[in-house]
């Protein structure tokens, strides 16, 4: 996308706007995102410009969900609910397009939207220290608490079968059965086969685990759906969480799913795209701080299923390995890539994280017990027997 095209899109959202600078944001794996600096009515300002991925259809549902969330947030802001501390807490609102009075502008076979830019914030791809892990846990808890009373019936389903692990497994099995492995070069083929072989027993166990989890009654809540570290905005000076952005995956779900995915992202101390895969490991100390932050405000005694947190962490990592590897075998149709085997490497990174996590599960179970949450010791031994 060149400067002139972005300038044209911007002119449809703002009158009297002069484009100054365009920064592309590469941390997202789905949407194309830019930070735009412009002069509007004589003043310098920034906003977020984003092209919605075609995985979200129809786009109207994405917009409706975003507006439902921001309207709910605004209503709470009018009272004293969000004024309990001096720390700011924000949700980026959509900006209406002047040319069509909608929240999207169609351009070049895509739908573009503009959102408010939250000033004086930073985001990170790798956690810097335990304090940041604690603040991320606290930030996720605040997000869950802020929207705990939203009407879930009003949420639109923007992503069919999201976090449907069984569906991902079925798709993966079909892809593997139909794939022509001869077309891969020898080294890549060996990497793929190693991963498929390593996953086989985990997939069998996951299918039984899904049956067990289906029988549990966990209270549904609003979840973010993708609470990875790069979606947290931290105050530039004090490093507390100001906002949790990228709201397209918001849906009705169970809180341990969100917390588990957050842990998966933040406690991989090498990050999701490390230069050296040997550096990938699950940092259980970082996890302890994240849990302390999250449960410093959340009610862990309600029927949210936090005792199943180790199961959900295991499940979300296996699910992501399958999704990355399946996308590689399907010619990288879903996740954005920088090179042909990028999704294969992402899958290998997550598998290494999984192996490290399994060795740390007894320590994690002890940590949960220390904050008053009982976990299933049989699960720990079952998974460790797989490897």
Protein backbone atom coordinates (compact mmCIF):
# COMPACT_ATOMS: atom_id res chain seq x y z
CA UNK A 1 0.00 0.00 0.00
CA UNK A 2 1.65 3.24 -1.13
CA UNK A 3 1.53 6.71 0.42
CA UNK A 4 -0.94 8.10 -2.13
CA UNK A 5 -3.43 5.27 -1.63
CA UNK A 6 -3.34 5.65 2.15
CA UNK A 7 -3.73 9.42 1.72
CA UNK A 8 -6.83 8.77 -0.39
CA UNK A 9 -8.33 6.44 2.22
CA UNK A 10 -7.54 8.94 4.99
CA UNK A 11 -9.27 11.75 3.09
CA UNK A 12 -12.50 9.75 3.19
CA UNK A 13 -12.42 9.57 7.00
CA UNK A 14 -11.24 13.14 7.68
CA UNK A 15 -11.86 16.51 6.08
CA UNK A 16 -8.92 18.92 5.80
CA UNK A 17 -6.36 16.20 6.55
CA UNK A 18 -2.75 16.27 5.36
CA UNK A 19 -0.79 13.02 5.65
CA UNK A 20 2.62 13.31 7.34
CA UNK A 21 3.83 9.81 8.10
CA UNK A 22 2.78 6.15 7.78
CA UNK A 23 4.15 3.38 10.04
CA UNK A 24 3.28 -0.22 9.25
CA UNK A 25 2.62 -2.47 12.27
CA UNK A 26 3.94 -5.99 11.69
CA UNK A 27 3.00 -7.68 14.98
CA UNK A 28 -0.50 -8.65 13.84
CA UNK A 29 -0.86 -11.93 11.96
CA UNK A 30 -4.24 -11.17 10.39
CA UNK A 31 -5.16 -7.54 9.57
CA UNK A 32 -3.00 -4.96 7.80
CA UNK A 33 -2.43 -2.16 10.30
CA UNK A 34 -0.86 1.30 10.03
CA UNK A 35 -0.25 4.16 12.45
CA UNK A 36 -1.03 7.36 10.57
CA UNK A 37 0.28 10.78 11.53
CA UNK A 38 -1.48 13.71 9.89
CA UNK A 39 -2.40 17.35 10.31
CA UNK A 40 -6.11 17.78 10.91
CA UNK A 41 -7.58 21.26 11.22
CA UNK A 42 -4.08 22.65 11.77
CA UNK A 43 -3.12 20.21 14.55
CA UNK A 44 -0.85 17.16 14.48
CA UNK A 45 -2.66 13.97 15.35
CA UNK A 46 -2.43 10.18 14.98
CA UNK A 47 -4.94 7.44 14.29
CA UNK A 48 -4.92 3.72 13.47
CA UNK A 49 -5.84 2.65 9.95
CA UNK A 50 -6.61 -1.00 9.36
CA UNK A 51 -7.69 -3.23 6.49
CA UNK A 52 -9.94 -5.99 7.77
CA UNK A 53 -8.92 -9.53 6.86
CA UNK A 54 -11.42 -11.45 4.75
CA UNK A 55 -11.57 -14.13 7.48
CA UNK A 56 -14.04 -11.86 9.26
CA UNK A 57 -17.23 -12.02 7.25
CA UNK A 58 -19.39 -10.08 7.11
CA UNK A 59 -17.45 -7.03 8.26
CA UNK A 60 -20.65 -5.50 9.67
CA UNK A 61 -20.56 -7.99 12.55
CA UNK A 62 -17.00 -7.00 13.43
CA UNK A 63 -18.04 -3.36 13.51
CA UNK A 64 -21.16 -4.10 15.58
CA UNK A 65 -19.11 -5.98 18.19
CA UNK A 66 -16.52 -3.21 18.41
CA UNK A 67 -19.22 -0.60 18.88
CA UNK A 68 -21.01 -2.76 21.47
CA UNK A 69 -17.80 -2.93 23.48
CA UNK A 70 -16.96 0.77 23.24
CA UNK A 71 -20.54 1.81 24.05
CA UNK A 72 -20.50 -0.46 27.11
CA UNK A 73 -17.18 1.04 28.15
CA UNK A 74 -18.47 4.61 27.71
CA UNK A 75 -21.53 3.90 29.83
CA UNK A 76 -19.36 2.56 32.64
CA UNK A 77 -16.99 5.52 32.33
CA UNK A 78 -19.87 7.89 33.12
CA UNK A 79 -20.16 6.42 36.60
CA UNK A 80 -17.50 5.80 39.21
CA UNK A 81 -16.75 2.21 38.11
CA UNK A 82 -13.60 3.07 36.19
CA UNK A 83 -12.43 5.86 38.51
CA UNK A 84 -11.08 3.74 41.34
CA UNK A 85 -7.46 4.67 40.61
CA UNK A 86 -5.45 7.34 38.86
CA UNK A 87 -4.41 4.87 36.17
CA UNK A 88 -6.06 5.44 32.82
CA UNK A 89 -8.00 2.62 31.16
CA UNK A 90 -9.05 3.08 27.54
CA UNK A 91 -10.71 1.30 24.63
CA UNK A 92 -9.98 2.57 21.10
CA UNK A 93 -13.21 3.82 19.50
CA UNK A 94 -13.98 3.58 15.80
CA UNK A 95 -13.96 6.74 13.69
CA UNK A 96 -16.88 7.23 11.32
CA UNK A 97 -16.09 7.66 7.63
CA UNK A 98 -17.18 11.09 6.39
CA UNK A 99 -17.73 10.01 2.80
CA UNK A 100 -20.32 7.29 3.53
CA UNK A 101 -21.30 7.85 7.19
CA UNK A 102 -20.23 4.26 7.99
CA UNK A 103 -17.38 2.88 10.09
CA UNK A 104 -15.68 1.33 7.05
CA UNK A 105 -14.48 2.52 3.65
CA UNK A 106 -14.33 0.01 0.76
CA UNK A 107 -11.12 0.29 -1.27
CA UNK A 108 -9.18 -2.10 -3.52
CA UNK A 109 -11.33 -5.14 -2.66
CA UNK A 110 -10.86 -4.47 1.05
CA UNK A 111 -12.70 -2.78 3.89
CA UNK A 112 -10.76 -0.13 5.78
CA UNK A 113 -11.54 1.29 9.20
CA UNK A 114 -10.04 4.03 11.33
CA UNK A 115 -9.65 3.92 15.11
CA UNK A 116 -8.51 6.29 17.81
CA UNK A 117 -4.81 6.20 18.63
CA UNK A 118 -4.03 5.85 22.34
CA UNK A 119 -1.22 8.30 23.11
CA UNK A 120 1.83 7.74 25.31
CA UNK A 121 1.75 3.96 25.13
CA UNK A 122 4.07 1.17 24.04
CA UNK A 123 3.54 -2.45 23.09
CA UNK A 124 6.04 -5.30 23.25
CA UNK A 125 6.66 -8.64 21.55
CA UNK A 126 8.78 -10.06 24.39
CA UNK A 127 8.19 -9.53 28.11
CA UNK A 128 10.91 -7.38 29.67
CA UNK A 129 10.65 -8.47 33.30
CA UNK A 130 8.37 -10.00 35.93
CA UNK A 131 6.82 -6.63 36.69
CA UNK A 132 5.55 -6.45 33.11
CA UNK A 133 4.14 -9.98 33.41
CA UNK A 134 2.32 -8.95 36.61
CA UNK A 135 0.89 -5.84 34.92
CA UNK A 136 -0.25 -7.87 31.91
CA UNK A 137 -2.11 -10.26 34.22
CA UNK A 138 -3.67 -7.31 36.00
CA UNK A 139 -4.60 -5.74 32.65
CA UNK A 140 -6.31 -8.90 31.40
CA UNK A 141 -8.24 -9.17 34.68
CA UNK A 142 -9.34 -5.56 34.30
CA UNK A 143 -10.51 -6.23 30.75
CA UNK A 144 -12.52 -9.25 31.92
CA UNK A 145 -13.95 -7.32 34.86
CA UNK A 146 -14.89 -4.29 32.75
CA UNK A 147 -17.00 -6.39 30.39
CA UNK A 148 -18.22 -9.02 32.86
CA UNK A 149 -21.75 -7.61 32.79
CA UNK A 150 -22.09 -7.08 29.03
CA UNK A 151 -25.07 -8.73 27.34
CA UNK A 152 -23.48 -11.76 25.64
CA UNK A 153 -26.61 -12.28 23.55
CA UNK A 154 -25.78 -9.08 21.66
CA UNK A 155 -22.33 -10.31 20.61
CA UNK A 156 -22.09 -11.33 16.96
CA UNK A 157 -20.18 -14.44 15.86
CA UNK A 158 -17.45 -12.89 13.71
CA UNK A 159 -15.22 -15.93 13.47
CA UNK A 160 -17.01 -19.23 12.98
CA UNK A 161 -15.67 -22.09 15.11
CA UNK A 162 -12.94 -19.96 16.72
CA UNK A 163 -11.07 -22.06 19.33
CA UNK A 164 -12.91 -25.15 18.06
CA UNK A 165 -9.92 -27.43 18.57
CA UNK A 166 -11.73 -30.51 17.26
CA UNK A 167 -12.43 -28.74 13.98
CA UNK A 168 -8.77 -27.71 13.66
CA UNK A 169 -7.71 -31.33 14.26
CA UNK A 170 -10.15 -32.61 11.62
CA UNK A 171 -8.93 -30.03 9.10
CA UNK A 172 -5.33 -30.91 9.88
CA UNK A 173 -5.93 -34.64 9.42
CA UNK A 174 -7.61 -34.02 6.06
CA UNK A 175 -4.76 -31.79 4.92
CA UNK A 176 -2.11 -34.34 5.90
CA UNK A 177 -3.99 -37.18 4.21
CA UNK A 178 -4.33 -35.23 0.94
CA UNK A 179 -0.94 -33.50 0.92
CA UNK A 180 1.69 -34.33 -1.68
CA UNK A 181 4.82 -34.38 0.47
CA UNK A 182 7.04 -35.09 -2.56
CA UNK A 183 6.79 -31.45 -3.59
CA UNK A 184 8.66 -30.36 -0.44
CA UNK A 185 12.43 -30.30 -0.46
CA UNK A 186 14.12 -32.95 1.70
CA UNK A 187 14.98 -30.70 4.65
CA UNK A 188 11.53 -29.12 4.87
CA UNK A 189 9.86 -32.51 4.42
CA UNK A 190 11.89 -33.91 7.31
CA UNK A 191 10.90 -30.98 9.54
CA UNK A 192 7.22 -31.46 8.68
CA UNK A 193 7.29 -35.21 9.25
CA UNK A 194 9.07 -34.79 12.60
CA UNK A 195 6.40 -32.37 13.73
CA UNK A 196 3.53 -34.58 12.53
CA UNK A 197 5.02 -37.59 14.32
CA UNK A 198 5.62 -35.60 17.51
CA UNK A 199 2.04 -34.27 17.48
CA UNK A 200 0.30 -37.60 16.92
CA UNK A 201 0.05 -38.73 20.56
CA UNK A 202 -0.81 -35.21 21.72
CA UNK A 203 -3.69 -35.06 19.24
CA UNK A 204 -5.06 -38.36 20.51
CA UNK A 205 -4.90 -37.10 24.08
CA UNK A 206 -6.42 -33.73 23.19
CA UNK A 207 -9.44 -35.46 21.66
CA UNK A 208 -10.09 -37.28 24.94
CA UNK A 209 -9.42 -34.10 26.92
CA UNK A 210 -11.99 -32.20 24.83
CA UNK A 211 -14.59 -34.82 25.74
CA UNK A 212 -13.81 -34.32 29.42
CA UNK A 213 -13.93 -30.51 29.20
CA UNK A 214 -17.25 -30.65 27.36
CA UNK A 215 -18.82 -32.21 30.46
CA UNK A 216 -17.70 -29.37 32.73
CA UNK A 217 -20.00 -26.42 33.36
CA UNK A 218 -17.90 -23.27 33.12
CA UNK A 219 -19.67 -19.92 33.31
CA UNK A 220 -19.55 -18.16 29.89
CA UNK A 221 -18.10 -14.64 29.83
CA UNK A 222 -16.82 -12.12 27.32
CA UNK A 223 -13.26 -13.03 26.30
CA UNK A 224 -10.76 -11.12 24.20
CA UNK A 225 -9.84 -14.16 22.12
CA UNK A 226 -6.26 -13.13 21.32
CA UNK A 227 -4.63 -11.66 24.46
CA UNK A 228 -1.04 -12.03 23.26
CA UNK A 229 1.55 -9.63 24.64
CA UNK A 230 1.66 -7.40 21.54
CA UNK A 231 -2.06 -6.59 22.00
CA UNK A 232 -1.42 -4.98 25.40
CA UNK A 233 -0.70 -1.25 25.43
CA UNK A 234 1.47 -0.15 28.36
CA UNK A 235 1.75 3.37 29.74
CA UNK A 236 5.01 4.76 28.37
CA UNK A 237 6.15 6.13 31.75
CA UNK A 238 4.78 3.80 34.44
CA UNK A 239 4.43 0.56 32.41
CA UNK A 240 0.94 -0.39 33.61
CA UNK A 241 -1.60 -1.66 31.04
CA UNK A 242 -3.69 1.10 29.51
CA UNK A 243 -5.63 -0.94 26.97
CA UNK A 244 -6.08 -4.33 25.36
CA UNK A 245 -6.50 -3.76 21.63
CA UNK A 246 -7.39 -5.80 18.52
CA UNK A 247 -10.97 -6.58 19.48
CA UNK A 248 -12.01 -8.54 16.37
CA UNK A 249 -11.81 -11.89 18.16
CA UNK A 250 -13.94 -10.83 21.14
CA UNK A 251 -16.60 -13.46 21.77
CA UNK A 252 -18.45 -15.43 24.41
CA UNK A 253 -16.20 -18.05 25.96
CA UNK A 254 -14.59 -19.22 29.19
CA UNK A 255 -12.05 -17.09 31.04
CA UNK A 256 -9.41 -19.85 31.37
CA UNK A 257 -9.13 -19.89 27.55
CA UNK A 258 -8.12 -16.22 27.55
CA UNK A 259 -5.82 -16.52 30.55
CA UNK A 260 -4.18 -19.63 29.06
CA UNK A 261 -3.50 -17.91 25.72
CA UNK A 262 -2.09 -14.88 27.52
CA UNK A 263 0.23 -17.17 29.52
CA UNK A 264 1.24 -19.03 26.35
CA UNK A 265 2.32 -15.77 24.72
CA UNK A 266 3.93 -13.94 27.61
CA UNK A 267 5.74 -16.87 29.27
CA UNK A 268 7.60 -17.79 26.09
CA UNK A 269 10.65 -15.76 27.05
CA UNK A 270 12.12 -15.87 23.53
CA UNK A 271 8.99 -14.49 21.87
CA UNK A 272 6.89 -16.01 19.09
CA UNK A 273 9.44 -15.43 16.33
CA UNK A 274 12.84 -15.98 17.98
CA UNK A 275 16.06 -15.79 15.98
CA UNK A 276 17.20 -18.98 17.69
CA UNK A 277 14.63 -21.68 18.49
CA UNK A 278 16.98 -23.06 21.14
CA UNK A 279 16.08 -20.03 23.29
CA UNK A 280 12.39 -20.99 23.48
CA UNK A 281 11.23 -22.13 26.90
CA UNK A 282 8.29 -21.72 29.26
CA UNK A 283 9.22 -19.36 32.09
CA UNK A 284 7.21 -20.60 35.07
CA UNK A 285 8.48 -17.73 37.25
CA UNK A 286 7.09 -15.24 34.73
CA UNK A 287 3.84 -17.24 34.82
CA UNK A 288 3.69 -16.92 38.62
CA UNK A 289 3.87 -13.13 38.38
CA UNK A 290 1.23 -13.04 35.65
CA UNK A 291 -1.09 -15.16 37.79
CA UNK A 292 -0.49 -12.94 40.83
CA UNK A 293 -1.44 -9.91 38.75
CA UNK A 294 -4.55 -11.55 37.34
CA UNK A 295 -5.87 -12.93 40.62
CA UNK A 296 -5.07 -9.78 42.59
CA UNK A 297 -8.47 -8.47 41.43
CA UNK A 298 -10.38 -11.39 39.92
CA UNK A 299 -12.75 -13.61 41.86
CA UNK A 300 -11.09 -17.00 41.51
CA UNK A 301 -13.79 -18.66 43.58
CA UNK A 302 -16.61 -18.25 41.04
CA UNK A 303 -17.40 -21.09 38.63
CA UNK A 304 -14.99 -19.90 35.95
CA UNK A 305 -12.98 -23.15 35.77
CA UNK A 306 -9.56 -21.80 36.76
CA UNK A 307 -8.68 -25.18 38.28
CA UNK A 308 -8.47 -26.40 34.67
CA UNK A 309 -5.93 -23.74 33.71
CA UNK A 310 -3.07 -26.24 33.06
CA UNK A 311 -5.39 -28.16 30.70
CA UNK A 312 -6.30 -24.98 28.85
CA UNK A 313 -2.66 -23.88 28.47
CA UNK A 314 -1.78 -27.31 27.08
CA UNK A 315 -4.80 -27.22 24.78
CA UNK A 316 -4.14 -23.72 23.39
CA UNK A 317 -0.50 -24.51 22.60
CA UNK A 318 -1.38 -27.76 20.80
CA UNK A 319 -4.18 -25.95 18.94
CA UNK A 320 -1.81 -23.26 17.73
CA UNK A 321 0.81 -25.79 16.59
CA UNK A 322 -1.88 -27.49 14.51
CA UNK A 323 -3.13 -24.20 13.06
CA UNK A 324 0.35 -22.98 12.07
CA UNK A 325 1.37 -26.31 10.54
CA UNK A 326 -1.95 -26.71 8.74
CA UNK A 327 -1.64 -23.19 7.31
CA UNK A 328 1.87 -23.97 6.05
CA UNK A 329 0.60 -27.12 4.31
CA UNK A 330 -2.23 -25.06 2.80
CA UNK A 331 0.20 -22.51 1.27
CA UNK A 332 -0.09 -19.90 4.06
CA UNK A 333 -3.66 -18.80 3.39
CA UNK A 334 -4.53 -17.58 6.88
CA UNK A 335 -1.57 -16.15 8.81
CA UNK A 336 0.61 -13.46 7.26
CA UNK A 337 4.15 -14.70 6.55
CA UNK A 338 7.50 -13.11 5.75
CA UNK A 339 8.94 -16.20 4.04
CA UNK A 340 7.61 -19.52 2.72
CA UNK A 341 8.35 -21.68 5.77
CA UNK A 342 7.43 -19.02 8.34
CA UNK A 343 4.32 -20.86 9.58
CA UNK A 344 6.28 -24.11 9.79
CA UNK A 345 8.83 -22.35 11.99
CA UNK A 346 6.04 -20.86 14.10
CA UNK A 347 4.66 -24.36 14.63
CA UNK A 348 8.11 -25.64 15.64
CA UNK A 349 8.49 -22.77 18.11
CA UNK A 350 5.15 -23.60 19.72
CA UNK A 351 6.03 -27.30 19.90
CA UNK A 352 9.25 -26.47 21.72
CA UNK A 353 7.24 -24.26 24.06
CA UNK A 354 4.83 -27.15 24.64
CA UNK A 355 7.67 -29.51 25.57
CA UNK A 356 9.06 -26.96 28.03
CA UNK A 357 5.62 -26.27 29.50
CA UNK A 358 5.03 -29.98 30.15
CA UNK A 359 8.18 -30.19 32.26
CA UNK A 360 7.04 -27.13 34.26
CA UNK A 361 3.47 -28.28 34.96
CA UNK A 362 4.10 -29.63 38.49
CA UNK A 363 5.56 -26.25 39.48
CA UNK A 364 2.60 -24.44 37.90
CA UNK A 365 0.16 -26.67 39.80
CA UNK A 366 1.93 -25.79 43.06
CA UNK A 367 1.70 -22.08 42.19
CA UNK A 368 -2.04 -22.38 41.58
CA UNK A 369 -2.44 -24.21 44.88
CA UNK A 370 -0.56 -21.36 46.56
CA UNK A 371 -3.21 -18.86 45.44
CA UNK A 372 -6.08 -21.15 46.43
CA UNK A 373 -6.80 -22.95 43.15
CA UNK A 374 -6.78 -26.74 43.05
CA UNK A 375 -5.71 -28.37 39.78
CA UNK A 376 -5.92 -31.96 38.51
CA UNK A 377 -2.77 -33.91 39.39
CA UNK A 378 -3.85 -36.79 37.12
CA UNK A 379 -3.70 -34.48 34.11
CA UNK A 380 -0.08 -33.56 34.86
CA UNK A 381 1.01 -37.20 35.04
CA UNK A 382 -1.05 -38.17 31.96
CA UNK A 383 0.55 -35.51 29.76
CA UNK A 384 4.05 -36.18 31.04
CA UNK A 385 3.58 -39.85 30.09
CA UNK A 386 2.93 -38.82 26.49
CA UNK A 387 6.50 -37.59 26.10
